[in-house]
C-alpha atoms as a PDB file:
ATOM      1  CA  UNK A   1      42.410 135.702  61.495  1.00  0.00           C
ATOM      2  CA  UNK A   2      40.395 132.951  59.813  1.00  0.00           C
ATOM      3  CA  UNK A   3      36.633 133.092  60.446  1.00  0.00           C
ATOM      4  CA  UNK A   4      35.860 129.505  59.492  1.00  0.00           C
ATOM      5  CA  UNK A   5      37.532 126.332  60.661  1.00  0.00           C
ATOM      6  CA  UNK A   6      35.623 123.718  58.631  1.00  0.00           C
ATOM      7  CA  UNK A   7      32.831 123.370  56.083  1.00  0.00           C
ATOM      8  CA  UNK A   8      30.281 122.747  58.846  1.00  0.00           C
ATOM      9  CA  UNK A   9      27.835 125.639  59.289  1.00  0.00           C
ATOM     10  CA  UNK A  10      25.597 123.988  61.862  1.00  0.00           C
ATOM     11  CA  UNK A  11      25.221 120.772  63.856  1.00  0.00           C
ATOM     12  CA  UNK A  12      21.714 119.594  64.733  1.00  0.00           C
ATOM     13  CA  UNK A  13      20.433 116.844  66.991  1.00  0.00           C
ATOM     14  CA  UNK A  14      21.985 115.396  70.106  1.00  0.00           C
ATOM     15  CA  UNK A  15      23.201 117.240  73.166  1.00  0.00           C
ATOM     16  CA  UNK A  16      25.285 120.397  73.298  1.00  0.00           C
ATOM     17  CA  UNK A  17      28.300 118.202  74.087  1.00  0.00           C
ATOM     18  CA  UNK A  18      27.707 116.098  70.961  1.00  0.00           C
ATOM     19  CA  UNK A  19      27.435 119.214  68.819  1.00  0.00           C
ATOM     20  CA  UNK A  20      30.617 120.695  70.295  1.00  0.00           C
ATOM     21  CA  UNK A  21      32.453 117.410  69.736  1.00  0.00           C
ATOM     22  CA  UNK A  22      31.319 117.337  66.105  1.00  0.00           C
ATOM     23  CA  UNK A  23      32.401 120.932  65.445  1.00  0.00           C
ATOM     24  CA  UNK A  24      35.776 120.357  67.105  1.00  0.00           C
ATOM     25  CA  UNK A  25      36.303 117.143  65.151  1.00  0.00           C
ATOM     26  CA  UNK A  26      35.520 118.882  61.851  1.00  0.00           C
ATOM     27  CA  UNK A  27      37.945 121.726  62.611  1.00  0.00           C
ATOM     28  CA  UNK A  28      40.721 119.330  63.615  1.00  0.00           C
ATOM     29  CA  UNK A  29      40.373 117.110  60.576  1.00  0.00           C
ATOM     30  CA  UNK A  30      40.151 120.129  58.248  1.00  0.00           C
ATOM     31  CA  UNK A  31      43.589 121.193  59.495  1.00  0.00           C
ATOM     32  CA  UNK A  32      45.251 117.783  59.763  1.00  0.00           C
ATOM     33  CA  UNK A  33      45.132 116.589  56.159  1.00  0.00           C
ATOM     34  CA  UNK A  34      47.742 114.051  55.121  1.00  0.00           C
ATOM     35  CA  UNK A  35      48.802 112.617  51.776  1.00  0.00           C
ATOM     36  CA  UNK A  36      46.853 109.384  51.385  1.00  0.00           C
ATOM     37  CA  UNK A  37      47.584 106.053  49.820  1.00  0.00           C
ATOM     38  CA  UNK A  38      47.330 106.125  46.014  1.00  0.00           C
ATOM     39  CA  UNK A  39      47.459 109.927  46.054  1.00  0.00           C
ATOM     40  CA  UNK A  40      49.963 111.724  43.842  1.00  0.00           C
ATOM     41  CA  UNK A  41      51.582 115.123  44.144  1.00  0.00           C
ATOM     42  CA  UNK A  42      49.817 117.974  42.394  1.00  0.00           C
ATOM     43  CA  UNK A  43      51.513 119.679  39.471  1.00  0.00           C
ATOM     44  CA  UNK A  44      52.300 123.424  39.606  1.00  0.00           C
ATOM     45  CA  UNK A  45      49.544 123.979  37.033  1.00  0.00           C
ATOM     46  CA  UNK A  46      47.021 122.074  39.167  1.00  0.00           C
ATOM     47  CA  UNK A  47      48.010 124.102  42.208  1.00  0.00           C
ATOM     48  CA  UNK A  48      47.422 127.283  40.208  1.00  0.00           C
ATOM     49  CA  UNK A  49      43.949 126.056  39.184  1.00  0.00           C
ATOM     50  CA  UNK A  50      43.160 125.225  42.819  1.00  0.00           C
ATOM     51  CA  UNK A  51      44.011 128.808  43.750  1.00  0.00           C
ATOM     52  CA  UNK A  52      41.829 130.127  40.922  1.00  0.00           C
ATOM     53  CA  UNK A  53      38.936 127.885  41.972  1.00  0.00           C
ATOM     54  CA  UNK A  54      39.224 128.930  45.602  1.00  0.00           C
ATOM     55  CA  UNK A  55      39.069 132.602  44.626  1.00  0.00           C
ATOM     56  CA  UNK A  56      36.187 132.126  42.172  1.00  0.00           C
ATOM     57  CA  UNK A  57      34.056 130.147  44.618  1.00  0.00           C
ATOM     58  CA  UNK A  58      34.775 132.634  47.393  1.00  0.00           C
ATOM     59  CA  UNK A  59      33.657 135.432  45.055  1.00  0.00           C
ATOM     60  CA  UNK A  60      30.328 133.622  44.669  1.00  0.00           C
ATOM     61  CA  UNK A  61      29.970 133.289  48.438  1.00  0.00           C
ATOM     62  CA  UNK A  62      30.513 137.035  48.852  1.00  0.00           C
ATOM     63  CA  UNK A  63      28.073 137.751  46.009  1.00  0.00           C
ATOM     64  CA  UNK A  64      25.360 135.888  47.887  1.00  0.00           C
ATOM     65  CA  UNK A  65      26.181 137.513  51.223  1.00  0.00           C
ATOM     66  CA  UNK A  66      28.253 134.711  52.775  1.00  0.00           C
ATOM     67  CA  UNK A  67      31.683 135.044  54.348  1.00  0.00           C
ATOM     68  CA  UNK A  68      34.703 133.659  52.497  1.00  0.00           C
ATOM     69  CA  UNK A  69      35.931 130.132  53.200  1.00  0.00           C
ATOM     70  CA  UNK A  70      39.333 129.285  51.759  1.00  0.00           C
ATOM     71  CA  UNK A  71      40.130 125.644  51.036  1.00  0.00           C
ATOM     72  CA  UNK A  72      43.870 124.862  51.012  1.00  0.00           C
ATOM     73  CA  UNK A  73      45.437 122.639  48.373  1.00  0.00           C
ATOM     74  CA  UNK A  74      46.203 120.045  51.064  1.00  0.00           C
ATOM     75  CA  UNK A  75      42.450 119.361  51.352  1.00  0.00           C
ATOM     76  CA  UNK A  76      42.334 118.395  47.672  1.00  0.00           C
ATOM     77  CA  UNK A  77      43.509 114.813  47.145  1.00  0.00           C
ATOM     78  CA  UNK A  78      44.346 113.693  43.596  1.00  0.00           C
ATOM     79  CA  UNK A  79      44.158 109.904  43.276  1.00  0.00           C
ATOM     80  CA  UNK A  80      45.871 107.981  40.491  1.00  0.00           C
ATOM     81  CA  UNK A  81      43.588 106.729  37.718  1.00  0.00           C
ATOM     82  CA  UNK A  82      44.582 103.126  38.426  1.00  0.00           C
ATOM     83  CA  UNK A  83      43.509 103.385  42.066  1.00  0.00           C
ATOM     84  CA  UNK A  84      40.273 105.326  41.511  1.00  0.00           C
ATOM     85  CA  UNK A  85      37.370 102.991  42.315  1.00  0.00           C
ATOM     86  CA  UNK A  86      34.274 105.061  41.534  1.00  0.00           C
ATOM     87  CA  UNK A  87      32.886 104.571  38.042  1.00  0.00           C
ATOM     88  CA  UNK A  88      30.041 107.073  38.386  1.00  0.00           C
ATOM     89  CA  UNK A  89      32.079 110.174  39.242  1.00  0.00           C
ATOM     90  CA  UNK A  90      35.513 111.684  38.805  1.00  0.00           C
ATOM     91  CA  UNK A  91      35.423 113.418  42.167  1.00  0.00           C
ATOM     92  CA  UNK A  92      33.667 113.452  45.514  1.00  0.00           C
ATOM     93  CA  UNK A  93      33.333 115.901  48.379  1.00  0.00           C
ATOM     94  CA  UNK A  94      33.802 113.976  51.617  1.00  0.00           C
ATOM     95  CA  UNK A  95      32.630 116.289  54.368  1.00  0.00           C
ATOM     96  CA  UNK A  96      33.238 113.622  56.988  1.00  0.00           C
ATOM     97  CA  UNK A  97      36.936 113.926  56.144  1.00  0.00           C
ATOM     98  CA  UNK A  98      36.763 117.623  55.229  1.00  0.00           C
ATOM     99  CA  UNK A  99      38.322 117.005  51.868  1.00  0.00           C
ATOM    100  CA  UNK A 100      37.820 116.566  48.142  1.00  0.00           C
ATOM    101  CA  UNK A 101      39.027 113.372  46.476  1.00  0.00           C
ATOM    102  CA  UNK A 102      39.310 113.356  42.715  1.00  0.00           C
ATOM    103  CA  UNK A 103      40.779 111.158  40.022  1.00  0.00           C
ATOM    104  CA  UNK A 104      43.732 112.492  38.088  1.00  0.00           C
ATOM    105  CA  UNK A 105      42.728 113.760  34.660  1.00  0.00           C
ATOM    106  CA  UNK A 106      44.223 113.835  31.170  1.00  0.00           C
ATOM    107  CA  UNK A 107      43.862 117.593  30.855  1.00  0.00           C
ATOM    108  CA  UNK A 108      43.896 120.682  33.046  1.00  0.00           C
ATOM    109  CA  UNK A 109      40.429 121.623  31.759  1.00  0.00           C
ATOM    110  CA  UNK A 110      38.987 118.354  33.058  1.00  0.00           C
ATOM    111  CA  UNK A 111      40.805 118.864  36.343  1.00  0.00           C
ATOM    112  CA  UNK A 112      39.269 122.347  36.620  1.00  0.00           C
ATOM    113  CA  UNK A 113      35.786 121.014  35.836  1.00  0.00           C
ATOM    114  CA  UNK A 114      35.792 118.349  38.553  1.00  0.00           C
ATOM    115  CA  UNK A 115      37.553 120.603  41.051  1.00  0.00           C
ATOM    116  CA  UNK A 116      35.188 123.584  40.733  1.00  0.00           C
ATOM    117  CA  UNK A 117      32.105 121.350  40.932  1.00  0.00           C
ATOM    118  CA  UNK A 118      33.339 119.644  44.106  1.00  0.00           C
ATOM    119  CA  UNK A 119      34.630 122.858  45.654  1.00  0.00           C
ATOM    120  CA  UNK A 120      31.175 124.407  45.236  1.00  0.00           C
ATOM    121  CA  UNK A 121      29.747 121.424  47.128  1.00  0.00           C
ATOM    122  CA  UNK A 122      32.429 121.849  49.809  1.00  0.00           C
ATOM    123  CA  UNK A 123      31.557 125.526  50.223  1.00  0.00           C
ATOM    124  CA  UNK A 124      27.784 125.031  50.174  1.00  0.00           C
ATOM    125  CA  UNK A 125      25.649 125.378  53.316  1.00  0.00           C
ATOM    126  CA  UNK A 126      26.662 122.296  55.318  1.00  0.00           C
ATOM    127  CA  UNK A 127      24.763 120.823  58.260  1.00  0.00           C
ATOM    128  CA  UNK A 128      25.707 117.702  60.228  1.00  0.00           C
ATOM    129  CA  UNK A 129      23.471 115.687  62.527  1.00  0.00           C
ATOM    130  CA  UNK A 130      25.178 114.439  65.698  1.00  0.00           C
ATOM    131  CA  UNK A 131      23.951 111.678  67.964  1.00  0.00           C
ATOM    132  CA  UNK A 132      25.318 109.284  70.576  1.00  0.00           C
ATOM    133  CA  UNK A 133      22.904 106.713  69.174  1.00  0.00           C
ATOM    134  CA  UNK A 134      24.279 104.419  66.427  1.00  0.00           C
ATOM    135  CA  UNK A 135      23.387 105.588  62.910  1.00  0.00           C
ATOM    136  CA  UNK A 136      22.943 103.304  59.894  1.00  0.00           C
ATOM    137  CA  UNK A 137      24.439 105.751  57.406  1.00  0.00           C
ATOM    138  CA  UNK A 138      26.891 107.781  59.436  1.00  0.00           C
ATOM    139  CA  UNK A 139      29.578 109.604  57.466  1.00  0.00           C
ATOM    140  CA  UNK A 140      31.915 109.317  60.435  1.00  0.00           C
ATOM    141  CA  UNK A 141      31.908 107.854  63.931  1.00  0.00           C
ATOM    142  CA  UNK A 142      33.914 109.747  66.548  1.00  0.00           C
ATOM    143  CA  UNK A 143      35.232 107.341  69.167  1.00  0.00           C
ATOM    144  CA  UNK A 144      35.198 108.428  72.844  1.00  0.00           C
ATOM    145  CA  UNK A 145      38.975 108.211  73.315  1.00  0.00           C
ATOM    146  CA  UNK A 146      39.368 111.057  70.810  1.00  0.00           C
ATOM    147  CA  UNK A 147      37.344 113.550  72.838  1.00  0.00           C
ATOM    148  CA  UNK A 148      36.885 112.324  76.406  1.00  0.00           C
ATOM    149  CA  UNK A 149      39.199 111.407  79.254  1.00  0.00           C
ATOM    150  CA  UNK A 150      36.258 110.068  81.240  1.00  0.00           C
ATOM    151  CA  UNK A 151      36.583 106.279  81.137  1.00  0.00           C
ATOM    152  CA  UNK A 152      32.982 105.933  82.281  1.00  0.00           C
ATOM    153  CA  UNK A 153      31.760 107.652  79.111  1.00  0.00           C
ATOM    154  CA  UNK A 154      32.281 105.147  76.302  1.00  0.00           C
ATOM    155  CA  UNK A 155      29.604 106.492  73.935  1.00  0.00           C
ATOM    156  CA  UNK A 156      30.794 107.329  70.452  1.00  0.00           C
ATOM    157  CA  UNK A 157      29.263 110.213  68.464  1.00  0.00           C
ATOM    158  CA  UNK A 158      27.724 109.313  65.107  1.00  0.00           C
ATOM    159  CA  UNK A 159      27.713 112.004  62.433  1.00  0.00           C
ATOM    160  CA  UNK A 160      25.332 111.923  59.475  1.00  0.00           C
ATOM    161  CA  UNK A 161      24.825 114.388  56.646  1.00  0.00           C
ATOM    162  CA  UNK A 162      21.704 116.458  57.222  1.00  0.00           C
ATOM    163  CA  UNK A 163      22.066 119.112  54.555  1.00  0.00           C
ATOM    164  CA  UNK A 164      24.493 120.195  51.866  1.00  0.00           C
ATOM    165  CA  UNK A 165      23.380 123.046  49.662  1.00  0.00           C
ATOM    166  CA  UNK A 166      19.781 122.342  48.661  1.00  0.00           C
ATOM    167  CA  UNK A 167      20.051 118.586  49.316  1.00  0.00           C
ATOM    168  CA  UNK A 168      18.551 117.479  52.611  1.00  0.00           C
ATOM    169  CA  UNK A 169      18.275 114.123  54.366  1.00  0.00           C
ATOM    170  CA  UNK A 170      15.259 112.607  56.069  1.00  0.00           C
ATOM    171  CA  UNK A 171      15.722 112.401  59.843  1.00  0.00           C
ATOM    172  CA  UNK A 172      14.367 108.854  60.120  1.00  0.00           C
ATOM    173  CA  UNK A 173      15.759 106.862  57.180  1.00  0.00           C
ATOM    174  CA  UNK A 174      18.465 109.339  56.138  1.00  0.00           C
ATOM    175  CA  UNK A 175      17.023 109.381  52.609  1.00  0.00           C
ATOM    176  CA  UNK A 176      18.196 112.344  50.562  1.00  0.00           C
ATOM    177  CA  UNK A 177      15.870 114.776  48.818  1.00  0.00           C
ATOM    178  CA  UNK A 178      16.438 117.569  46.252  1.00  0.00           C
ATOM    179  CA  UNK A 179      19.764 116.104  45.134  1.00  0.00           C
ATOM    180  CA  UNK A 180      18.869 116.606  41.460  1.00  0.00           C
ATOM    181  CA  UNK A 181      18.184 120.334  41.765  1.00  0.00           C
ATOM    182  CA  UNK A 182      21.238 120.694  44.004  1.00  0.00           C
ATOM    183  CA  UNK A 183      23.478 119.124  41.357  1.00  0.00           C
ATOM    184  CA  UNK A 184      21.829 121.260  38.664  1.00  0.00           C
ATOM    185  CA  UNK A 185      22.610 124.458  40.579  1.00  0.00           C
ATOM    186  CA  UNK A 186      26.195 123.416  41.293  1.00  0.00           C
ATOM    187  CA  UNK A 187      26.920 122.409  37.688  1.00  0.00           C
ATOM    188  CA  UNK A 188      25.291 125.599  36.356  1.00  0.00           C
ATOM    189  CA  UNK A 189      27.650 127.633  38.529  1.00  0.00           C
ATOM    190  CA  UNK A 190      30.577 125.414  37.517  1.00  0.00           C
ATOM    191  CA  UNK A 191      29.799 125.977  33.850  1.00  0.00           C
ATOM    192  CA  UNK A 192      29.649 129.765  34.272  1.00  0.00           C
ATOM    193  CA  UNK A 193      33.061 129.785  35.992  1.00  0.00           C
ATOM    194  CA  UNK A 194      34.756 127.558  33.418  1.00  0.00           C
ATOM    195  CA  UNK A 195      33.378 129.596  30.519  1.00  0.00           C
ATOM    196  CA  UNK A 196      35.093 132.667  31.987  1.00  0.00           C
ATOM    197  CA  UNK A 197      38.351 130.727  32.261  1.00  0.00           C
ATOM    198  CA  UNK A 198      38.527 129.803  28.576  1.00  0.00           C
ATOM    199  CA  UNK A 199      40.701 132.875  27.967  1.00  0.00           C
ATOM    200  CA  UNK A 200      42.889 132.246  31.022  1.00  0.00           C
ATOM    201  CA  UNK A 201      46.513 131.482  30.040  1.00  0.00           C
ATOM    202  CA  UNK A 202      46.390 128.279  32.081  1.00  0.00           C
ATOM    203  CA  UNK A 203      43.552 126.850  29.994  1.00  0.00           C
ATOM    204  CA  UNK A 204      43.414 128.869  26.768  1.00  0.00           C
ATOM    205  CA  UNK A 205      45.601 126.507  24.703  1.00  0.00           C
ATOM    206  CA  UNK A 206      43.431 123.514  25.650  1.00  0.00           C
ATOM    207  CA  UNK A 207      40.277 125.438  24.802  1.00  0.00           C
ATOM    208  CA  UNK A 208      41.775 126.477  21.433  1.00  0.00           C
ATOM    209  CA  UNK A 209      42.472 122.812  20.680  1.00  0.00           C
ATOM    210  CA  UNK A 210      38.970 121.848  21.833  1.00  0.00           C
ATOM    211  CA  UNK A 211      37.275 124.601  19.843  1.00  0.00           C
ATOM    212  CA  UNK A 212      39.020 123.463  16.644  1.00  0.00           C
ATOM    213  CA  UNK A 213      37.583 119.969  17.107  1.00  0.00           C
ATOM    214  CA  UNK A 214      33.996 120.954  17.828  1.00  0.00           C
ATOM    215  CA  UNK A 215      31.475 120.095  15.153  1.00  0.00           C
ATOM    216  CA  UNK A 216      28.693 122.647  15.882  1.00  0.00           C
ATOM    217  CA  UNK A 217      26.138 120.363  14.210  1.00  0.00           C
ATOM    218  CA  UNK A 218      26.910 117.442  16.517  1.00  0.00           C
ATOM    219  CA  UNK A 219      28.055 119.263  19.646  1.00  0.00           C
ATOM    220  CA  UNK A 220      26.968 122.427  21.442  1.00  0.00           C
ATOM    221  CA  UNK A 221      30.190 124.375  22.209  1.00  0.00           C
ATOM    222  CA  UNK A 222      28.653 125.711  25.417  1.00  0.00           C
ATOM    223  CA  UNK A 223      28.391 122.169  26.761  1.00  0.00           C
ATOM    224  CA  UNK A 224      31.959 121.062  25.987  1.00  0.00           C
ATOM    225  CA  UNK A 225      34.715 121.017  28.605  1.00  0.00           C
ATOM    226  CA  UNK A 226      37.549 119.424  26.650  1.00  0.00           C
ATOM    227  CA  UNK A 227      38.155 117.475  23.436  1.00  0.00           C
ATOM    228  CA  UNK A 228      41.161 115.533  22.158  1.00  0.00           C
ATOM    229  CA  UNK A 229      41.990 113.021  19.456  1.00  0.00           C
ATOM    230  CA  UNK A 230      42.733 109.531  20.685  1.00  0.00           C
ATOM    231  CA  UNK A 231      43.234 106.578  18.363  1.00  0.00           C
ATOM    232  CA  UNK A 232      41.972 108.743  15.506  1.00  0.00           C
ATOM    233  CA  UNK A 233      38.697 109.577  17.262  1.00  0.00           C
ATOM    234  CA  UNK A 234      37.566 112.814  18.888  1.00  0.00           C
ATOM    235  CA  UNK A 235      36.643 112.278  22.514  1.00  0.00           C
ATOM    236  CA  UNK A 236      36.580 114.254  25.719  1.00  0.00           C
ATOM    237  CA  UNK A 237      34.314 115.600  28.401  1.00  0.00           C
ATOM    238  CA  UNK A 238      31.161 117.688  28.573  1.00  0.00           C
ATOM    239  CA  UNK A 239      29.337 119.399  31.387  1.00  0.00           C
ATOM    240  CA  UNK A 240      27.225 116.970  33.396  1.00  0.00           C
ATOM    241  CA  UNK A 241      23.693 116.844  34.840  1.00  0.00           C
ATOM    242  CA  UNK A 242      22.214 118.113  31.562  1.00  0.00           C
ATOM    243  CA  UNK A 243      18.755 116.679  32.257  1.00  0.00           C
ATOM    244  CA  UNK A 244      18.723 118.186  35.746  1.00  0.00           C
ATOM    245  CA  UNK A 245      19.863 121.578  34.428  1.00  0.00           C
ATOM    246  CA  UNK A 246      17.140 121.542  31.768  1.00  0.00           C
ATOM    247  CA  UNK A 247      14.534 120.818  34.437  1.00  0.00           C
ATOM    248  CA  UNK A 248      15.907 123.692  36.521  1.00  0.00           C
ATOM    249  CA  UNK A 249      15.687 126.025  33.509  1.00  0.00           C
ATOM    250  CA  UNK A 250      12.073 125.012  32.914  1.00  0.00           C
ATOM    251  CA  UNK A 251      11.242 125.642  36.554  1.00  0.00           C
ATOM    252  CA  UNK A 252      12.867 129.083  36.479  1.00  0.00           C
ATOM    253  CA  UNK A 253      11.095 129.935  33.205  1.00  0.00           C
ATOM    254  CA  UNK A 254       7.730 129.110  34.781  1.00  0.00           C
ATOM    255  CA  UNK A 255       8.547 131.287  37.791  1.00  0.00           C
ATOM    256  CA  UNK A 256       9.336 134.213  35.466  1.00  0.00           C
ATOM    257  CA  UNK A 257       6.126 133.664  33.481  1.00  0.00           C
ATOM    258  CA  UNK A 258       3.978 133.636  36.615  1.00  0.00           C
ATOM    259  CA  UNK A 259       5.796 136.560  38.264  1.00  0.00           C
ATOM    260  CA  UNK A 260       6.667 139.032  35.446  1.00  0.00           C
ATOM    261  CA  UNK A 261       6.383 141.990  37.794  1.00  0.00           C
ATOM    262  CA  UNK A 262       9.117 140.564  40.019  1.00  0.00           C
ATOM    263  CA  UNK A 263      11.502 138.769  37.647  1.00  0.00           C
ATOM    264  CA  UNK A 264      12.842 139.906  34.284  1.00  0.00           C
ATOM    265  CA  UNK A 265      14.674 136.701  33.434  1.00  0.00           C
ATOM    266  CA  UNK A 266      15.800 133.289  34.730  1.00  0.00           C
ATOM    267  CA  UNK A 267      19.050 134.677  36.111  1.00  0.00           C
ATOM    268  CA  UNK A 268      17.129 136.788  38.610  1.00  0.00           C
ATOM    269  CA  UNK A 269      15.277 133.686  39.777  1.00  0.00           C
ATOM    270  CA  UNK A 270      18.530 131.727  40.015  1.00  0.00           C
ATOM    271  CA  UNK A 271      20.070 134.425  42.228  1.00  0.00           C
ATOM    272  CA  UNK A 272      17.379 134.005  44.871  1.00  0.00           C
END
């Protein structure tokens, strides 16, 4: 029997009824995923990577003492490149719809990179704030006809993000804090998973091609996801949030330096 029914760990704010409505809504929408407009079918190889990512991210949850939380392929929505609107990201975790939306990619390695990063967000500690008061930046508004048969109760429930991973929102203005360190942690974990997959039969041929194109003087192999030749030029994708990850490394190094009796290296700090 499944222990979890959505990504939502807790609901804060509002009445008990509002919290129950929010939890029920999340569980229902997690189960009732449908193929959306501009979404394409996943390839067998992509489905295999989704399975790998689900297992790898669940392994991390168990490592840190958290129960497993499997995300089905139906909750991953691959949008055609022509229809993808976001220019700043190739994927997004939409907790209000209990799904991951991502742009189709040119390679399976790029697909794996975006998928693992977003799946780690999806499986991070997730807290919603529920209220029957209108919210300026709600991620979803649950209308009364979806949860109440009482015609006298016409108050909708507004849901806002309160916390995801280390990122937390201000109660008053819904301003987010610690997003940089949250992204640094997620991408660091993503990088460690993808490095282990370089020998996986699904991705090994792409990594062999990439490795042959890497100029170690110009590019750090550890930071490369995928390379290809297009129009005679080498181009591709690297791991993201480099500045944020460097800041995280500096922070962890300082913690080790000030607490040598407790920590031997940065990895021990990271595992806190």
